[in-house]
Amino acid sequence: EVDSALKVIKSALDNSLSWTALEELIKVEKKAGNPIASLIHKLKLDSDPPKAVLELSTTIQNENEEKSQTMALVELFVMQSAHSNIRIMYEAKKRFEEKVMRT
């Protein structure tokens, strides 16, 4: 679903859809119950590179084997795939952890 959301945004931008029109389209699709549009929390198209903030659900299991759903806002690069975004985040996390270990 994340890749689909990123592809929809990228396709709209590639086809010169205005930012305002894209935001309006997303609002309409959310109201219509489109699950892909429902993931899109916010667009940051004026940033370089353009980004989208997606609202993703995660299931967490505690030590008592109880599961709970939680929501997280994740900022992703629109022009990258979900896999590329994960790699970028992992590399940033790794660099941060290495920096913490040095200090």
C-alpha atoms as a PDB file:
ATOM      1  CA  GLU A   1       0.000   0.000   0.000  1.00  0.00           C
ATOM      2  CA  VAL A   2       2.878   2.395   0.765  1.00  0.00           C
ATOM      3  CA  ASP A   3       4.353   1.907  -2.711  1.00  0.00           C
ATOM      4  CA  SER A   4       0.897   2.492  -4.228  1.00  0.00           C
ATOM      5  CA  ALA A   5       0.477   5.766  -2.317  1.00  0.00           C
ATOM      6  CA  LEU A   6       3.921   6.961  -3.393  1.00  0.00           C
ATOM      7  CA  LYS A   7       3.253   5.943  -7.016  1.00  0.00           C
ATOM      8  CA  VAL A   8      -0.061   7.838  -7.100  1.00  0.00           C
ATOM      9  CA  ILE A   9       1.586  11.023  -5.799  1.00  0.00           C
ATOM     10  CA  LYS A  10       4.592  10.656  -8.123  1.00  0.00           C
ATOM     11  CA  SER A  11       2.347   9.996 -11.119  1.00  0.00           C
ATOM     12  CA  ALA A  12       0.245  13.076 -10.367  1.00  0.00           C
ATOM     13  CA  LEU A  13       3.377  15.231 -10.113  1.00  0.00           C
ATOM     14  CA  ASP A  14       4.876  13.691 -13.268  1.00  0.00           C
ATOM     15  CA  ASN A  15       1.642  14.548 -15.107  1.00  0.00           C
ATOM     16  CA  SER A  16       1.848  18.196 -13.967  1.00  0.00           C
ATOM     17  CA  LEU A  17      -1.166  18.041 -11.660  1.00  0.00           C
ATOM     18  CA  SER A  18      -1.047  21.160  -9.501  1.00  0.00           C
ATOM     19  CA  TRP A  19      -0.316  20.731  -5.815  1.00  0.00           C
ATOM     20  CA  THR A  20      -3.701  22.179  -4.949  1.00  0.00           C
ATOM     21  CA  ALA A  21      -5.491  19.809  -7.316  1.00  0.00           C
ATOM     22  CA  LEU A  22      -3.550  16.849  -5.919  1.00  0.00           C
ATOM     23  CA  GLU A  23      -4.445  17.775  -2.335  1.00  0.00           C
ATOM     24  CA  GLU A  24      -8.102  18.178  -3.323  1.00  0.00           C
ATOM     25  CA  LEU A  25      -8.070  14.817  -5.134  1.00  0.00           C
ATOM     26  CA  ILE A  26      -6.683  13.152  -2.020  1.00  0.00           C
ATOM     27  CA  LYS A  27      -9.423  14.736   0.141  1.00  0.00           C
ATOM     28  CA  VAL A  28     -12.129  13.512  -2.252  1.00  0.00           C
ATOM     29  CA  GLU A  29     -10.661  10.003  -2.361  1.00  0.00           C
ATOM     30  CA  LYS A  30     -10.396   9.864   1.452  1.00  0.00           C
ATOM     31  CA  LYS A  31     -14.084  10.776   1.739  1.00  0.00           C
ATOM     32  CA  ALA A  32     -14.888   8.063  -0.805  1.00  0.00           C
ATOM     33  CA  GLY A  33     -13.116   5.524   1.399  1.00  0.00           C
ATOM     34  CA  ASN A  34     -10.090   4.928  -0.796  1.00  0.00           C
ATOM     35  CA  PRO A  35      -7.631   2.986   1.427  1.00  0.00           C
ATOM     36  CA  ILE A  36      -4.562   4.300  -0.429  1.00  0.00           C
ATOM     37  CA  ALA A  37      -5.658   7.937  -0.038  1.00  0.00           C
ATOM     38  CA  SER A  38      -6.384   7.249   3.630  1.00  0.00           C
ATOM     39  CA  LEU A  39      -2.682   6.572   4.198  1.00  0.00           C
ATOM     40  CA  ILE A  40      -1.705  10.089   3.105  1.00  0.00           C
ATOM     41  CA  HIS A  41      -1.586  12.364   6.140  1.00  0.00           C
ATOM     42  CA  LYS A  42       0.188  15.372   4.626  1.00  0.00           C
ATOM     43  CA  LEU A  43       2.099  16.378   1.514  1.00  0.00           C
ATOM     44  CA  LYS A  44       5.329  18.375   1.674  1.00  0.00           C
ATOM     45  CA  LEU A  45       5.680  19.090  -2.011  1.00  0.00           C
ATOM     46  CA  ASP A  46       7.566  22.354  -1.552  1.00  0.00           C
ATOM     47  CA  SER A  47      10.482  20.537   0.091  1.00  0.00           C
ATOM     48  CA  ASP A  48      13.413  19.417  -2.004  1.00  0.00           C
ATOM     49  CA  PRO A  49      12.974  16.532  -2.664  1.00  0.00           C
ATOM     50  CA  PRO A  50       9.172  16.352  -2.277  1.00  0.00           C
ATOM     51  CA  LYS A  51       7.934  14.320   0.674  1.00  0.00           C
ATOM     52  CA  ALA A  52       4.727  12.757   1.883  1.00  0.00           C
ATOM     53  CA  VAL A  53       3.786  11.983   5.460  1.00  0.00           C
ATOM     54  CA  LEU A  54       1.909   8.690   5.616  1.00  0.00           C
ATOM     55  CA  GLU A  55      -0.099   7.402   8.555  1.00  0.00           C
ATOM     56  CA  LEU A  56       0.764   3.743   8.979  1.00  0.00           C
ATOM     57  CA  SER A  57      -0.573   1.233  11.473  1.00  0.00           C
ATOM     58  CA  THR A  58       1.685  -1.170  13.305  1.00  0.00           C
ATOM     59  CA  THR A  59       0.883  -4.148  15.466  1.00  0.00           C
ATOM     60  CA  ILE A  60       2.927  -4.343  18.651  1.00  0.00           C
ATOM     61  CA  GLN A  61       3.113  -7.450  20.792  1.00  0.00           C
ATOM     62  CA  ASN A  62       4.094  -7.031  24.445  1.00  0.00           C
ATOM     63  CA  GLU A  63       5.726  -9.564  26.772  1.00  0.00           C
ATOM     64  CA  ASN A  64       2.294 -10.982  27.719  1.00  0.00           C
ATOM     65  CA  GLU A  65       1.648 -11.874  24.076  1.00  0.00           C
ATOM     66  CA  GLU A  66      -1.029  -9.156  23.905  1.00  0.00           C
ATOM     67  CA  LYS A  67      -1.214  -7.316  20.603  1.00  0.00           C
ATOM     68  CA  SER A  68      -2.173  -3.703  20.112  1.00  0.00           C
ATOM     69  CA  GLN A  69      -2.485  -1.458  17.081  1.00  0.00           C
ATOM     70  CA  THR A  70      -0.681   1.846  17.005  1.00  0.00           C
ATOM     71  CA  MET A  71      -0.434   4.553  14.375  1.00  0.00           C
ATOM     72  CA  ALA A  72       2.800   6.214  13.289  1.00  0.00           C
ATOM     73  CA  LEU A  73       3.456   9.140  10.979  1.00  0.00           C
ATOM     74  CA  VAL A  74       6.290   8.379   8.582  1.00  0.00           C
ATOM     75  CA  GLU A  75       7.872  10.961   6.290  1.00  0.00           C
ATOM     76  CA  LEU A  76       8.880   9.466   2.937  1.00  0.00           C
ATOM     77  CA  PHE A  77      10.522  10.750  -0.226  1.00  0.00           C
ATOM     78  CA  VAL A  78       7.877  10.793  -2.968  1.00  0.00           C
ATOM     79  CA  MET A  79      10.284  10.069  -5.819  1.00  0.00           C
ATOM     80  CA  GLN A  80      11.623   6.911  -4.114  1.00  0.00           C
ATOM     81  CA  SER A  81       9.996   3.507  -3.717  1.00  0.00           C
ATOM     82  CA  ALA A  82       8.940   2.213  -0.316  1.00  0.00           C
ATOM     83  CA  HIS A  83      11.957  -0.116  -0.363  1.00  0.00           C
ATOM     84  CA  SER A  84      14.340   2.769  -1.132  1.00  0.00           C
ATOM     85  CA  ASN A  85      12.796   4.854   1.643  1.00  0.00           C
ATOM     86  CA  ILE A  86      13.301   2.003   4.111  1.00  0.00           C
ATOM     87  CA  ARG A  87      16.945   1.694   3.049  1.00  0.00           C
ATOM     88  CA  ILE A  88      17.441   5.455   3.489  1.00  0.00           C
ATOM     89  CA  MET A  89      15.864   5.347   6.963  1.00  0.00           C
ATOM     90  CA  TYR A  90      17.929   2.324   7.973  1.00  0.00           C
ATOM     91  CA  GLU A  91      21.161   3.986   6.842  1.00  0.00           C
ATOM     92  CA  ALA A  92      20.262   7.186   8.727  1.00  0.00           C
ATOM     93  CA  LYS A  93      19.473   5.165  11.868  1.00  0.00           C
ATOM     94  CA  LYS A  94      22.775   3.321  11.538  1.00  0.00           C
ATOM     95  CA  ARG A  95      24.726   6.594  11.151  1.00  0.00           C
ATOM     96  CA  PHE A  96      22.916   8.043  14.170  1.00  0.00           C
ATOM     97  CA  GLU A  97      23.718   5.001  16.311  1.00  0.00           C
ATOM     98  CA  GLU A  98      27.384   5.147  15.250  1.00  0.00           C
ATOM     99  CA  LYS A  99      27.506   8.849  16.152  1.00  0.00           C
ATOM    100  CA  VAL A 100      25.975   8.148  19.558  1.00  0.00           C
ATOM    101  CA  MET A 101      28.563   5.423  20.206  1.00  0.00           C
ATOM    102  CA  ARG A 102      31.400   7.864  19.374  1.00  0.00           C
ATOM    103  CA  THR A 103      30.151  10.524  21.775  1.00  0.00           C
END
